[in-house]
């Protein structure tokens, strides 16, 4: 147990900043999961779950004694919901691969689904901002926006909606400033890297979607 505790508490010191290795590793798993999602491979989900578990302990800083000593309830809570939604996504992609040979086929959400996403984003942000405020979370409105958007994006990935990449961009725009202000520098930097992968992933999924549509038209003809 002492070895595990040592690994769990391992730190990296850069100037005056103290950074936990589990924050770096957890975000690295997150990037690997994003790459897997872009490539539409099933292993993206379990890899993401491992990263989520590590990052939960990072963002509950006052509970797990991180250098920041801050509880970001939104960031921590979304890791738990990520795990739940990821199990759903993992199951869905495995079933889809079994049925059609492909884990997921990118496509646009319907108009009704888009309206539901926008409504959920607005209402979720308002409701969770109040919840996180009562819990004493750091940056409750930003936390609520990130929390709601992250769950929507993960669910959208599970459903194969190409829009989920756009939701991630909206999350990153708010997430980077929040994490920099709170002192979670590795997470902030990796959020910036995520933004690059998100733009790339969106372009890849859009290309696959267009190619699939063209093939369907040819087949139908």
Protein backbone atom coordinates (compact mmCIF):
# COMPACT_ATOMS: atom_id res chain seq x y z
CA UNK A 1 0.00 0.00 0.00
CA UNK A 2 2.90 2.38 0.73
CA UNK A 3 4.11 2.03 -2.88
CA UNK A 4 0.64 2.78 -4.23
CA UNK A 5 0.32 5.76 -1.89
CA UNK A 6 3.70 7.07 -3.05
CA UNK A 7 2.64 6.79 -6.70
CA UNK A 8 -0.71 8.38 -5.89
CA UNK A 9 0.96 11.38 -4.22
CA UNK A 10 3.86 11.74 -6.69
CA UNK A 11 4.51 15.37 -7.60
CA UNK A 12 6.24 17.31 -10.33
CA UNK A 13 7.81 20.65 -9.40
CA UNK A 14 8.18 23.36 -12.03
CA UNK A 15 9.39 26.60 -10.50
CA UNK A 16 6.99 27.44 -7.70
CA UNK A 17 4.24 25.22 -9.11
CA UNK A 18 3.52 21.79 -7.65
CA UNK A 19 1.72 19.41 -9.99
CA UNK A 20 0.44 15.92 -9.28
CA UNK A 21 1.49 13.24 -11.72
CA UNK A 22 -2.00 11.73 -11.54
CA UNK A 23 -3.36 14.98 -12.99
CA UNK A 24 -0.96 14.68 -15.93
CA UNK A 25 -1.62 10.95 -16.39
CA UNK A 26 -5.39 11.34 -16.05
CA UNK A 27 -5.47 14.03 -18.74
CA UNK A 28 -3.16 11.96 -20.94
CA UNK A 29 -5.68 9.13 -20.79
CA UNK A 30 -8.32 11.71 -21.71
CA UNK A 31 -6.40 12.71 -24.83
CA UNK A 32 -5.93 9.05 -25.76
CA UNK A 33 -9.68 8.57 -25.38
CA UNK A 34 -10.35 11.59 -27.62
CA UNK A 35 -8.07 10.13 -30.30
CA UNK A 36 -9.84 6.79 -29.97
CA UNK A 37 -13.20 8.52 -30.30
CA UNK A 38 -12.05 10.28 -33.46
CA UNK A 39 -10.93 6.93 -34.89
CA UNK A 40 -14.22 5.34 -33.73
CA UNK A 41 -12.57 2.50 -31.82
CA UNK A 42 -14.22 0.85 -28.83
CA UNK A 43 -11.15 1.08 -26.58
CA UNK A 44 -11.69 4.86 -26.37
CA UNK A 45 -14.30 4.27 -23.67
CA UNK A 46 -12.37 2.16 -21.09
CA UNK A 47 -9.29 4.35 -21.54
CA UNK A 48 -11.41 7.40 -20.82
CA UNK A 49 -12.89 5.78 -17.71
CA UNK A 50 -9.42 5.27 -16.21
CA UNK A 51 -8.60 8.93 -16.83
CA UNK A 52 -11.90 10.01 -15.29
CA UNK A 53 -11.22 8.04 -12.11
CA UNK A 54 -7.80 9.66 -11.69
CA UNK A 55 -9.09 13.17 -12.38
CA UNK A 56 -11.90 12.76 -9.85
CA UNK A 57 -9.27 12.53 -7.11
CA UNK A 58 -7.51 15.60 -8.53
CA UNK A 59 -10.54 17.89 -8.62
CA UNK A 60 -11.69 16.87 -5.13
CA UNK A 61 -8.52 18.55 -3.92
CA UNK A 62 -9.57 19.31 -0.36
CA UNK A 63 -10.60 15.67 0.11
CA UNK A 64 -7.57 14.06 -1.54
CA UNK A 65 -5.04 16.70 -0.37
CA UNK A 66 -3.90 18.16 -3.68
CA UNK A 67 -1.55 21.18 -3.81
CA UNK A 68 -4.46 23.46 -4.82
CA UNK A 69 -6.58 22.27 -1.86
CA UNK A 70 -9.74 23.18 -3.83
CA UNK A 71 -12.92 21.24 -4.47
CA UNK A 72 -14.20 21.78 -7.99
CA UNK A 73 -17.44 19.89 -7.54
CA UNK A 74 -18.48 20.38 -11.16
CA UNK A 75 -15.19 19.08 -12.52
CA UNK A 76 -15.19 16.20 -10.05
CA UNK A 77 -18.86 15.36 -10.50
CA UNK A 78 -18.58 15.26 -14.25
CA UNK A 79 -15.85 12.61 -13.96
CA UNK A 80 -18.35 10.35 -12.19
CA UNK A 81 -21.01 11.05 -14.80
CA UNK A 82 -18.41 10.53 -17.54
CA UNK A 83 -17.85 7.04 -16.17
CA UNK A 84 -21.60 6.33 -16.19
CA UNK A 85 -22.17 7.68 -19.70
CA UNK A 86 -18.99 5.99 -20.92
CA UNK A 87 -20.29 2.60 -19.82
CA UNK A 88 -23.40 3.34 -21.91
CA UNK A 89 -21.28 4.46 -24.88
CA UNK A 90 -18.99 1.46 -24.56
CA UNK A 91 -21.95 -0.92 -24.57
CA UNK A 92 -23.61 0.87 -27.49
CA UNK A 93 -20.46 0.86 -29.65
CA UNK A 94 -19.75 -2.82 -28.92
CA UNK A 95 -23.32 -3.71 -29.89
CA UNK A 96 -23.13 -1.59 -33.04
CA UNK A 97 -19.85 -3.21 -34.06
CA UNK A 98 -21.40 -6.63 -33.51
CA UNK A 99 -24.48 -5.76 -35.59
CA UNK A 100 -22.93 -3.79 -38.46
CA UNK A 101 -19.17 -4.24 -38.19
CA UNK A 102 -18.75 -0.55 -37.30
CA UNK A 103 -18.65 0.86 -33.78
CA UNK A 104 -20.47 4.04 -34.83
CA UNK A 105 -21.55 5.83 -37.99
CA UNK A 106 -21.26 9.65 -37.67
CA UNK A 107 -24.43 11.59 -38.49
CA UNK A 108 -26.12 14.87 -37.66
CA UNK A 109 -28.65 14.95 -34.85
CA UNK A 110 -32.25 15.64 -35.85
CA UNK A 111 -33.83 19.07 -35.38
CA UNK A 112 -35.73 17.82 -32.34
CA UNK A 113 -32.55 16.40 -30.83
CA UNK A 114 -30.71 19.69 -31.40
CA UNK A 115 -33.48 21.64 -29.69
CA UNK A 116 -33.31 19.19 -26.79
CA UNK A 117 -29.53 19.65 -26.56
CA UNK A 118 -29.75 23.45 -26.49
CA UNK A 119 -32.57 23.36 -23.92
CA UNK A 120 -30.62 20.92 -21.75
CA UNK A 121 -27.49 23.07 -22.00
CA UNK A 122 -29.29 26.22 -20.84
CA UNK A 123 -31.39 24.62 -18.12
CA UNK A 124 -28.58 22.40 -16.91
CA UNK A 125 -26.21 25.34 -16.57
CA UNK A 126 -28.74 27.35 -14.54
CA UNK A 127 -29.69 24.45 -12.26
CA UNK A 128 -26.17 23.14 -11.64
CA UNK A 129 -24.85 26.66 -11.01
CA UNK A 130 -27.22 26.83 -8.03
CA UNK A 131 -26.23 23.36 -6.85
CA UNK A 132 -22.51 24.05 -7.12
CA UNK A 133 -23.00 27.42 -5.44
CA UNK A 134 -24.62 25.74 -2.43
CA UNK A 135 -21.76 23.23 -2.31
CA UNK A 136 -19.23 26.05 -2.31
CA UNK A 137 -17.71 25.11 -5.65
CA UNK A 138 -15.04 27.30 -7.22
CA UNK A 139 -16.45 29.22 -10.23
CA UNK A 140 -19.98 27.84 -10.08
CA UNK A 141 -21.28 29.21 -13.42
CA UNK A 142 -18.25 28.07 -15.38
CA UNK A 143 -18.39 24.74 -13.56
CA UNK A 144 -22.07 24.33 -14.45
CA UNK A 145 -21.45 25.13 -18.13
CA UNK A 146 -18.54 22.68 -18.32
CA UNK A 147 -20.44 20.01 -16.39
CA UNK A 148 -23.56 20.15 -18.55
CA UNK A 149 -21.67 20.46 -21.84
CA UNK A 150 -19.34 17.59 -21.02
CA UNK A 151 -22.19 15.20 -20.33
CA UNK A 152 -24.00 16.26 -23.50
CA UNK A 153 -20.84 15.84 -25.56
CA UNK A 154 -20.13 12.38 -24.16
CA UNK A 155 -23.73 11.29 -24.75
CA UNK A 156 -23.55 12.72 -28.27
CA UNK A 157 -20.40 10.72 -28.95
CA UNK A 158 -22.15 7.56 -27.79
CA UNK A 159 -25.05 8.29 -30.17
CA UNK A 160 -22.75 9.13 -33.06
CA UNK A 161 -23.87 12.77 -33.37
CA UNK A 162 -21.22 14.82 -35.17
CA UNK A 163 -22.35 17.88 -33.17
CA UNK A 164 -20.69 16.49 -30.04
CA UNK A 165 -17.36 17.89 -31.24
CA UNK A 166 -18.87 21.40 -31.39
CA UNK A 167 -20.13 21.05 -27.82
CA UNK A 168 -16.59 20.14 -26.72
CA UNK A 169 -15.30 23.37 -28.26
CA UNK A 170 -17.83 25.34 -26.21
CA UNK A 171 -16.69 23.48 -23.09
CA UNK A 172 -12.99 24.18 -23.76
CA UNK A 173 -13.57 27.90 -24.27
CA UNK A 174 -14.81 28.16 -20.69
CA UNK A 175 -12.71 25.37 -19.18
CA UNK A 176 -9.23 26.69 -20.02
CA UNK A 177 -9.61 30.07 -18.23
CA UNK A 178 -11.24 28.42 -15.21
CA UNK A 179 -8.48 25.84 -14.77
CA UNK A 180 -5.73 28.44 -15.22
CA UNK A 181 -7.33 30.66 -12.59
CA UNK A 182 -7.72 27.71 -10.19
CA UNK A 183 -4.09 26.63 -10.65
CA UNK A 184 -4.72 23.32 -12.42
CA UNK A 185 -2.09 24.06 -15.06
CA UNK A 186 -1.66 20.58 -16.62
CA UNK A 187 -5.42 20.29 -17.07
CA UNK A 188 -5.58 23.78 -18.61
CA UNK A 189 -2.74 23.02 -21.03
CA UNK A 190 -4.23 19.67 -21.96
CA UNK A 191 -7.61 21.36 -22.49
CA UNK A 192 -5.86 23.48 -25.11
CA UNK A 193 -4.53 20.30 -26.71
CA UNK A 194 -8.04 18.86 -26.54
CA UNK A 195 -9.26 21.87 -28.53
CA UNK A 196 -6.86 20.96 -31.34
CA UNK A 197 -7.99 17.32 -31.29
CA UNK A 198 -11.63 18.42 -31.19
CA UNK A 199 -11.29 20.54 -34.34
CA UNK A 200 -9.42 17.69 -36.03
CA UNK A 201 -11.95 15.12 -34.84
CA UNK A 202 -14.84 17.21 -36.09
CA UNK A 203 -13.23 17.44 -39.54
CA UNK A 204 -12.60 13.67 -39.60
CA UNK A 205 -16.15 12.75 -38.55
CA UNK A 206 -17.61 15.24 -41.02
CA UNK A 207 -15.55 13.71 -43.83
CA UNK A 208 -16.65 10.18 -42.86
CA UNK A 209 -20.26 11.33 -42.69
CA UNK A 210 -20.14 12.92 -46.14
CA UNK A 211 -18.42 9.87 -47.65
CA UNK A 212 -21.01 7.57 -46.10
CA UNK A 213 -23.84 9.73 -47.44
CA UNK A 214 -22.32 9.71 -50.93
CA UNK A 215 -21.94 5.92 -50.82
CA UNK A 216 -25.56 5.54 -49.74
CA UNK A 217 -26.72 7.66 -52.67
CA UNK A 218 -24.68 5.57 -55.11
CA UNK A 219 -26.01 2.34 -53.63
CA UNK A 220 -29.59 3.59 -53.79
CA UNK A 221 -29.11 4.59 -57.45
